[in-house]
Amino acid sequence: MTLRLPTTLSTDSDAAAVAALTRYYDRPYLGDDAYVGAHFDSWSSTGDRAGEADRFTADDLVAVTFLSVQIPPTAARAVLHTRAEALNALLAAVGPDRDLVDEPDPLTPGWPAWDLETALWALPGIGRTKATKLIARKRPRLYPIWDSVVSQVLGTERSHLNPVREALRADDGALHNRLESLRGEAGLPEEISALRVFDVIAWMDGKNRRLGESSDLER
């Protein structure tokens, strides 16, 4: 499956993509033109995100609200308590965060992050969008966010993970390298992953074109 680039990445000029990133990350506060999703990448009430890498926390449930989704109470209880041991074991099995571009083989069921998404889907009120946002919160360099806006922009409504991986790896990682360069041009910190840069650029493109569901246009 061939991934379709956002319009801001379909030319050699980086100006529009840098402008989109700057606009998104320069407006993280309340207001008519706010993008509170800028808080998703760094939100921490404890200051110890590294020490929480292999377990879901209440901070993760708060962080995804900045991307305009809510984890329902029953699912939140499962993530933090009743299903925490099993979900955290899958999260730990994913291994440390690393760049998706470095995964050489197609990703299939049996890969721990794939199985973690499946397990999250099984919780009441957790669909594909919420599951991928939770995993992306824990492994931001490895796992791409899926929602109705981004998937329509990229043409990945049915299959998202492997098309994104393949696009990043094409031409000796040209897209991945460009995304890292764009991050630097926009003055963003390295904690914002290349995948998240791609997500924001695609989402801003789709928002401008009013693609996707209304809930996905508000982050």
C-alpha atoms as a PDB file:
ATOM      1  CA  MET A   1       0.000   0.000   0.000  1.00  0.00           C
ATOM      2  CA  THR A   2       1.437   3.395  -1.012  1.00  0.00           C
ATOM      3  CA  LEU A   3       1.202   6.205   1.500  1.00  0.00           C
ATOM      4  CA  ARG A   4       0.150   9.643   0.246  1.00  0.00           C
ATOM      5  CA  LEU A   5       2.182  12.552   1.593  1.00  0.00           C
ATOM      6  CA  PRO A   6       0.471  15.611   3.082  1.00  0.00           C
ATOM      7  CA  THR A   7       0.344  18.529   0.663  1.00  0.00           C
ATOM      8  CA  THR A   8       2.874  20.425   2.785  1.00  0.00           C
ATOM      9  CA  LEU A   9       5.433  17.659   2.190  1.00  0.00           C
ATOM     10  CA  SER A  10       4.668  17.030  -1.481  1.00  0.00           C
ATOM     11  CA  THR A  11       7.064  19.730  -2.709  1.00  0.00           C
ATOM     12  CA  ASP A  12      10.763  20.376  -2.144  1.00  0.00           C
ATOM     13  CA  SER A  13      10.026  23.481  -0.075  1.00  0.00           C
ATOM     14  CA  ASP A  14       9.901  23.050   3.693  1.00  0.00           C
ATOM     15  CA  ALA A  15       8.313  26.432   4.382  1.00  0.00           C
ATOM     16  CA  ALA A  16       4.689  25.291   4.685  1.00  0.00           C
ATOM     17  CA  ALA A  17       5.542  22.315   6.885  1.00  0.00           C
ATOM     18  CA  VAL A  18       7.686  24.435   9.212  1.00  0.00           C
ATOM     19  CA  ALA A  19       4.887  27.012   9.398  1.00  0.00           C
ATOM     20  CA  ALA A  20       2.383  24.292  10.359  1.00  0.00           C
ATOM     21  CA  LEU A  21       4.657  22.959  13.114  1.00  0.00           C
ATOM     22  CA  THR A  22       5.387  26.434  14.437  1.00  0.00           C
ATOM     23  CA  ARG A  23       1.715  27.328  14.504  1.00  0.00           C
ATOM     24  CA  TYR A  24       0.778  24.117  16.312  1.00  0.00           C
ATOM     25  CA  TYR A  25       3.499  24.245  18.957  1.00  0.00           C
ATOM     26  CA  ASP A  26       3.426  27.989  19.523  1.00  0.00           C
ATOM     27  CA  ARG A  27      -0.249  27.937  20.567  1.00  0.00           C
ATOM     28  CA  PRO A  28      -0.545  25.417  23.410  1.00  0.00           C
ATOM     29  CA  TYR A  29      -2.724  27.544  25.651  1.00  0.00           C
ATOM     30  CA  LEU A  30      -6.403  28.308  25.857  1.00  0.00           C
ATOM     31  CA  GLY A  31      -7.844  30.621  23.248  1.00  0.00           C
ATOM     32  CA  ASP A  32      -9.794  30.663  20.042  1.00  0.00           C
ATOM     33  CA  ASP A  33      -6.821  29.397  18.039  1.00  0.00           C
ATOM     34  CA  ALA A  34      -5.269  27.078  20.615  1.00  0.00           C
ATOM     35  CA  TYR A  35      -3.685  23.694  19.910  1.00  0.00           C
ATOM     36  CA  VAL A  36      -3.528  22.088  23.341  1.00  0.00           C
ATOM     37  CA  GLY A  37      -2.133  18.949  21.676  1.00  0.00           C
ATOM     38  CA  ALA A  38       1.278  20.578  22.074  1.00  0.00           C
ATOM     39  CA  HIS A  39       1.157  19.375  25.696  1.00  0.00           C
ATOM     40  CA  PHE A  40       0.791  15.712  24.699  1.00  0.00           C
ATOM     41  CA  ASP A  41       4.510  15.197  24.142  1.00  0.00           C
ATOM     42  CA  SER A  42       5.804  16.474  27.466  1.00  0.00           C
ATOM     43  CA  TRP A  43       2.984  16.333  30.031  1.00  0.00           C
ATOM     44  CA  SER A  44       4.200  14.981  33.365  1.00  0.00           C
ATOM     45  CA  SER A  45       2.992  15.702  36.866  1.00  0.00           C
ATOM     46  CA  THR A  46       5.911  13.770  38.398  1.00  0.00           C
ATOM     47  CA  GLY A  47       8.860  14.801  36.235  1.00  0.00           C
ATOM     48  CA  ASP A  48       9.823  11.128  35.881  1.00  0.00           C
ATOM     49  CA  ARG A  49       8.560   9.968  32.501  1.00  0.00           C
ATOM     50  CA  ALA A  50      11.663   7.829  31.981  1.00  0.00           C
ATOM     51  CA  GLY A  51      10.896   5.885  35.142  1.00  0.00           C
ATOM     52  CA  GLU A  52       7.347   5.233  33.926  1.00  0.00           C
ATOM     53  CA  ALA A  53       8.287   3.967  30.455  1.00  0.00           C
ATOM     54  CA  ASP A  54       6.992   0.442  31.017  1.00  0.00           C
ATOM     55  CA  ARG A  55       3.720   1.163  32.783  1.00  0.00           C
ATOM     56  CA  PHE A  56       0.658   3.208  31.980  1.00  0.00           C
ATOM     57  CA  THR A  57      -0.040   5.992  34.445  1.00  0.00           C
ATOM     58  CA  ALA A  58      -2.743   8.511  35.184  1.00  0.00           C
ATOM     59  CA  ASP A  59      -0.547  11.080  33.422  1.00  0.00           C
ATOM     60  CA  ASP A  60      -0.931   9.113  30.196  1.00  0.00           C
ATOM     61  CA  LEU A  61      -4.696   9.236  30.499  1.00  0.00           C
ATOM     62  CA  VAL A  62      -4.483  12.990  31.007  1.00  0.00           C
ATOM     63  CA  ALA A  63      -2.038  13.432  28.103  1.00  0.00           C
ATOM     64  CA  VAL A  64      -4.374  11.866  25.555  1.00  0.00           C
ATOM     65  CA  THR A  65      -7.081  14.355  26.515  1.00  0.00           C
ATOM     66  CA  PHE A  66      -4.869  17.015  24.923  1.00  0.00           C
ATOM     67  CA  LEU A  67      -5.532  15.151  21.655  1.00  0.00           C
ATOM     68  CA  SER A  68      -9.281  15.425  22.177  1.00  0.00           C
ATOM     69  CA  VAL A  69     -10.067  11.911  23.393  1.00  0.00           C
ATOM     70  CA  GLN A  70     -11.266  10.711  26.766  1.00  0.00           C
ATOM     71  CA  ILE A  71     -10.574   7.284  28.241  1.00  0.00           C
ATOM     72  CA  PRO A  72     -13.905   6.094  29.713  1.00  0.00           C
ATOM     73  CA  PRO A  73     -13.949   5.322  33.448  1.00  0.00           C
ATOM     74  CA  THR A  74     -14.240   1.540  33.053  1.00  0.00           C
ATOM     75  CA  ALA A  75     -11.349   1.450  30.601  1.00  0.00           C
ATOM     76  CA  ALA A  76      -9.283   3.801  32.774  1.00  0.00           C
ATOM     77  CA  ARG A  77      -9.768   1.468  35.728  1.00  0.00           C
ATOM     78  CA  ALA A  78      -8.663  -1.458  33.568  1.00  0.00           C
ATOM     79  CA  VAL A  79      -5.550   0.344  32.300  1.00  0.00           C
ATOM     80  CA  LEU A  80      -4.487   1.468  35.760  1.00  0.00           C
ATOM     81  CA  HIS A  81      -5.726  -1.414  37.909  1.00  0.00           C
ATOM     82  CA  THR A  82      -7.673  -4.486  36.841  1.00  0.00           C
ATOM     83  CA  ARG A  83      -5.761  -5.122  33.576  1.00  0.00           C
ATOM     84  CA  ALA A  84      -2.640  -3.184  34.462  1.00  0.00           C
ATOM     85  CA  GLU A  85      -0.354  -6.194  34.952  1.00  0.00           C
ATOM     86  CA  ALA A  86      -1.144  -7.709  31.549  1.00  0.00           C
ATOM     87  CA  LEU A  87      -1.061  -4.409  29.664  1.00  0.00           C
ATOM     88  CA  ASN A  88       2.157  -3.281  31.304  1.00  0.00           C
ATOM     89  CA  ALA A  89       3.757  -6.654  30.515  1.00  0.00           C
ATOM     90  CA  LEU A  90       2.951  -6.126  26.827  1.00  0.00           C
ATOM     91  CA  LEU A  91       4.288  -2.577  27.029  1.00  0.00           C
ATOM     92  CA  ALA A  92       7.539  -3.782  28.592  1.00  0.00           C
ATOM     93  CA  ALA A  93       7.836  -6.499  25.927  1.00  0.00           C
ATOM     94  CA  VAL A  94       7.863  -3.794  23.244  1.00  0.00           C
ATOM     95  CA  GLY A  95      11.317  -2.871  24.487  1.00  0.00           C
ATOM     96  CA  PRO A  96      12.811   0.595  24.683  1.00  0.00           C
ATOM     97  CA  ASP A  97      11.638   3.400  22.449  1.00  0.00           C
ATOM     98  CA  ARG A  98      13.352   3.485  19.073  1.00  0.00           C
ATOM     99  CA  ASP A  99      12.696   4.903  15.637  1.00  0.00           C
ATOM    100  CA  LEU A 100      10.126   3.123  13.483  1.00  0.00           C
ATOM    101  CA  VAL A 101      12.386   3.706  10.472  1.00  0.00           C
ATOM    102  CA  ASP A 102      14.844   1.194  11.963  1.00  0.00           C
ATOM    103  CA  GLU A 103      12.327  -1.677  12.021  1.00  0.00           C
ATOM    104  CA  PRO A 104      13.491  -3.726   9.006  1.00  0.00           C
ATOM    105  CA  ASP A 105      10.609  -6.175   8.620  1.00  0.00           C
ATOM    106  CA  PRO A 106       6.841  -5.771   8.220  1.00  0.00           C
ATOM    107  CA  LEU A 107       5.077  -5.618  11.581  1.00  0.00           C
ATOM    108  CA  THR A 108       2.460  -8.294  12.199  1.00  0.00           C
ATOM    109  CA  PRO A 109       0.403  -9.866  15.008  1.00  0.00           C
ATOM    110  CA  GLY A 110       2.831 -11.263  17.540  1.00  0.00           C
ATOM    111  CA  TRP A 111       4.875  -8.077  17.592  1.00  0.00           C
ATOM    112  CA  PRO A 112       4.309  -6.847  21.174  1.00  0.00           C
ATOM    113  CA  ALA A 113       3.169  -3.332  20.228  1.00  0.00           C
ATOM    114  CA  TRP A 114       0.667  -4.780  17.749  1.00  0.00           C
ATOM    115  CA  ASP A 115      -0.640  -7.109  20.445  1.00  0.00           C
ATOM    116  CA  LEU A 116      -0.780  -4.224  22.916  1.00  0.00           C
ATOM    117  CA  GLU A 117      -2.975  -2.230  20.548  1.00  0.00           C
ATOM    118  CA  THR A 118      -5.232  -5.273  20.154  1.00  0.00           C
ATOM    119  CA  ALA A 119      -5.475  -5.654  23.931  1.00  0.00           C
ATOM    120  CA  LEU A 120      -6.342  -1.987  24.384  1.00  0.00           C
ATOM    121  CA  TRP A 121      -9.020  -2.285  21.696  1.00  0.00           C
ATOM    122  CA  ALA A 122     -10.666  -4.989  23.786  1.00  0.00           C
ATOM    123  CA  LEU A 123     -11.373  -2.497  26.587  1.00  0.00           C
ATOM    124  CA  PRO A 124     -14.795  -0.822  26.607  1.00  0.00           C
ATOM    125  CA  GLY A 125     -14.776   2.515  24.835  1.00  0.00           C
ATOM    126  CA  ILE A 126     -11.229   2.165  23.465  1.00  0.00           C
ATOM    127  CA  GLY A 127     -11.067   2.178  19.674  1.00  0.00           C
ATOM    128  CA  ARG A 128      -8.197   2.465  17.252  1.00  0.00           C
ATOM    129  CA  THR A 129      -7.643   6.181  17.809  1.00  0.00           C
ATOM    130  CA  LYS A 130      -7.429   6.001  21.605  1.00  0.00           C
ATOM    131  CA  ALA A 131      -5.313   2.840  21.563  1.00  0.00           C
ATOM    132  CA  THR A 132      -2.704   4.297  19.221  1.00  0.00           C
ATOM    133  CA  LYS A 133      -2.569   7.563  21.165  1.00  0.00           C
ATOM    134  CA  LEU A 134      -1.918   5.661  24.395  1.00  0.00           C
ATOM    135  CA  ILE A 135       0.875   3.613  22.797  1.00  0.00           C
ATOM    136  CA  ALA A 136       2.355   6.677  21.077  1.00  0.00           C
ATOM    137  CA  ARG A 137       2.472   8.377  24.452  1.00  0.00           C
ATOM    138  CA  LYS A 138       4.732   5.556  25.752  1.00  0.00           C
ATOM    139  CA  ARG A 139       6.713   4.880  22.552  1.00  0.00           C
ATOM    140  CA  PRO A 140       6.584   8.164  20.601  1.00  0.00           C
ATOM    141  CA  ARG A 141       9.422   7.293  18.230  1.00  0.00           C
ATOM    142  CA  LEU A 142       8.053   3.850  17.410  1.00  0.00           C
ATOM    143  CA  TYR A 143       4.270   3.952  17.191  1.00  0.00           C
ATOM    144  CA  PRO A 144       2.287   6.277  14.918  1.00  0.00           C
ATOM    145  CA  ILE A 145      -1.027   7.819  15.900  1.00  0.00           C
ATOM    146  CA  TRP A 146      -4.046   6.905  13.793  1.00  0.00           C
ATOM    147  CA  ASP A 147      -7.170   9.040  13.585  1.00  0.00           C
ATOM    148  CA  SER A 148      -9.746   9.854  10.940  1.00  0.00           C
ATOM    149  CA  VAL A 149      -7.999  13.077   9.874  1.00  0.00           C
ATOM    150  CA  VAL A 150      -4.455  11.757   9.568  1.00  0.00           C
ATOM    151  CA  SER A 151      -5.557   8.527   7.904  1.00  0.00           C
ATOM    152  CA  GLN A 152      -7.548  10.388   5.243  1.00  0.00           C
ATOM    153  CA  VAL A 153      -4.633  12.697   4.515  1.00  0.00           C
ATOM    154  CA  LEU A 154      -2.225   9.771   4.187  1.00  0.00           C
ATOM    155  CA  GLY A 155      -4.667   7.341   2.567  1.00  0.00           C
ATOM    156  CA  THR A 156      -4.137   4.846   5.390  1.00  0.00           C
ATOM    157  CA  GLU A 157      -7.685   4.315   6.607  1.00  0.00           C
ATOM    158  CA  ARG A 158      -7.376   0.516   6.494  1.00  0.00           C
ATOM    159  CA  SER A 159      -3.670  -0.041   7.149  1.00  0.00           C
ATOM    160  CA  HIS A 160      -1.522   2.574   8.847  1.00  0.00           C
ATOM    161  CA  LEU A 161       1.418   1.126  10.777  1.00  0.00           C
ATOM    162  CA  ASN A 162       3.301  -0.630   7.983  1.00  0.00           C
ATOM    163  CA  PRO A 163       2.626   2.003   5.286  1.00  0.00           C
ATOM    164  CA  VAL A 164       4.089   4.632   7.613  1.00  0.00           C
ATOM    165  CA  ARG A 165       7.086   2.390   8.347  1.00  0.00           C
ATOM    166  CA  GLU A 166       7.661   1.769   4.634  1.00  0.00           C
ATOM    167  CA  ALA A 167       7.380   5.470   3.781  1.00  0.00           C
ATOM    168  CA  LEU A 168       9.916   6.366   6.457  1.00  0.00           C
ATOM    169  CA  ARG A 169      12.365   3.720   5.194  1.00  0.00           C
ATOM    170  CA  ALA A 170      12.091   4.515   1.482  1.00  0.00           C
ATOM    171  CA  ASP A 171      15.101   6.080  -0.253  1.00  0.00           C
ATOM    172  CA  ASP A 172      17.452   5.360   2.653  1.00  0.00           C
ATOM    173  CA  GLY A 173      15.167   7.000   5.187  1.00  0.00           C
ATOM    174  CA  ALA A 174      14.716  10.236   3.251  1.00  0.00           C
ATOM    175  CA  LEU A 175      11.329  11.078   4.814  1.00  0.00           C
ATOM    176  CA  HIS A 176      12.502  10.288   8.337  1.00  0.00           C
ATOM    177  CA  ASN A 177      15.561  12.487   7.862  1.00  0.00           C
ATOM    178  CA  ARG A 178      13.431  15.295   6.449  1.00  0.00           C
ATOM    179  CA  LEU A 179      11.076  15.139   9.433  1.00  0.00           C
ATOM    180  CA  GLU A 180      14.000  15.446  11.832  1.00  0.00           C
ATOM    181  CA  SER A 181      15.281  18.397   9.822  1.00  0.00           C
ATOM    182  CA  LEU A 182      11.862  20.045   9.951  1.00  0.00           C
ATOM    183  CA  ARG A 183      11.800  19.604  13.706  1.00  0.00           C
ATOM    184  CA  GLY A 184      15.051  21.502  13.945  1.00  0.00           C
ATOM    185  CA  GLU A 185      13.921  24.240  11.543  1.00  0.00           C
ATOM    186  CA  ALA A 186      10.796  24.750  13.650  1.00  0.00           C
ATOM    187  CA  GLY A 187      12.912  25.031  16.805  1.00  0.00           C
ATOM    188  CA  LEU A 188      11.295  22.020  18.477  1.00  0.00           C
ATOM    189  CA  PRO A 189      13.051  19.844  21.084  1.00  0.00           C
ATOM    190  CA  GLU A 190      14.307  16.360  20.249  1.00  0.00           C
ATOM    191  CA  GLU A 191      11.739  14.822  22.622  1.00  0.00           C
ATOM    192  CA  ILE A 192       9.210  15.475  19.849  1.00  0.00           C
ATOM    193  CA  SER A 193       9.728  12.441  17.647  1.00  0.00           C
ATOM    194  CA  ALA A 194       9.899  12.317  13.868  1.00  0.00           C
ATOM    195  CA  LEU A 195       6.627  10.366  13.968  1.00  0.00           C
ATOM    196  CA  ARG A 196       4.948  13.094  15.972  1.00  0.00           C
ATOM    197  CA  VAL A 197       6.252  15.730  13.548  1.00  0.00           C
ATOM    198  CA  PHE A 198       4.683  13.691  10.746  1.00  0.00           C
ATOM    199  CA  ASP A 199       1.432  13.344  12.692  1.00  0.00           C
ATOM    200  CA  VAL A 200       1.160  17.080  13.352  1.00  0.00           C
ATOM    201  CA  ILE A 201       1.933  18.039   9.747  1.00  0.00           C
ATOM    202  CA  ALA A 202      -0.632  15.542   8.423  1.00  0.00           C
ATOM    203  CA  TRP A 203      -3.229  16.595  10.988  1.00  0.00           C
ATOM    204  CA  MET A 204      -2.800  20.297  10.265  1.00  0.00           C
ATOM    205  CA  ASP A 205      -3.171  19.528   6.547  1.00  0.00           C
ATOM    206  CA  GLY A 206      -6.392  17.592   7.163  1.00  0.00           C
ATOM    207  CA  LYS A 207      -7.777  20.177   9.571  1.00  0.00           C
ATOM    208  CA  ASN A 208      -7.265  22.898   6.980  1.00  0.00           C
ATOM    209  CA  ARG A 209      -9.200  20.755   4.495  1.00  0.00           C
ATOM    210  CA  ARG A 210     -11.861  19.785   7.078  1.00  0.00           C
ATOM    211  CA  LEU A 211     -11.215  16.080   6.627  1.00  0.00           C
ATOM    212  CA  GLY A 212     -12.129  13.402   9.164  1.00  0.00           C
ATOM    213  CA  GLU A 213     -14.607  13.334  12.008  1.00  0.00           C
ATOM    214  CA  SER A 214     -15.367  16.529  13.913  1.00  0.00           C
ATOM    215  CA  SER A 215     -13.852  15.169  17.148  1.00  0.00           C
ATOM    216  CA  ASP A 216     -10.527  14.540  15.411  1.00  0.00           C
ATOM    217  CA  LEU A 217     -10.360  18.133  14.164  1.00  0.00           C
ATOM    218  CA  GLU A 218      -9.993  19.558  17.659  1.00  0.00           C
ATOM    219  CA  ARG A 219      -6.527  18.794  18.969  1.00  0.00           C
END
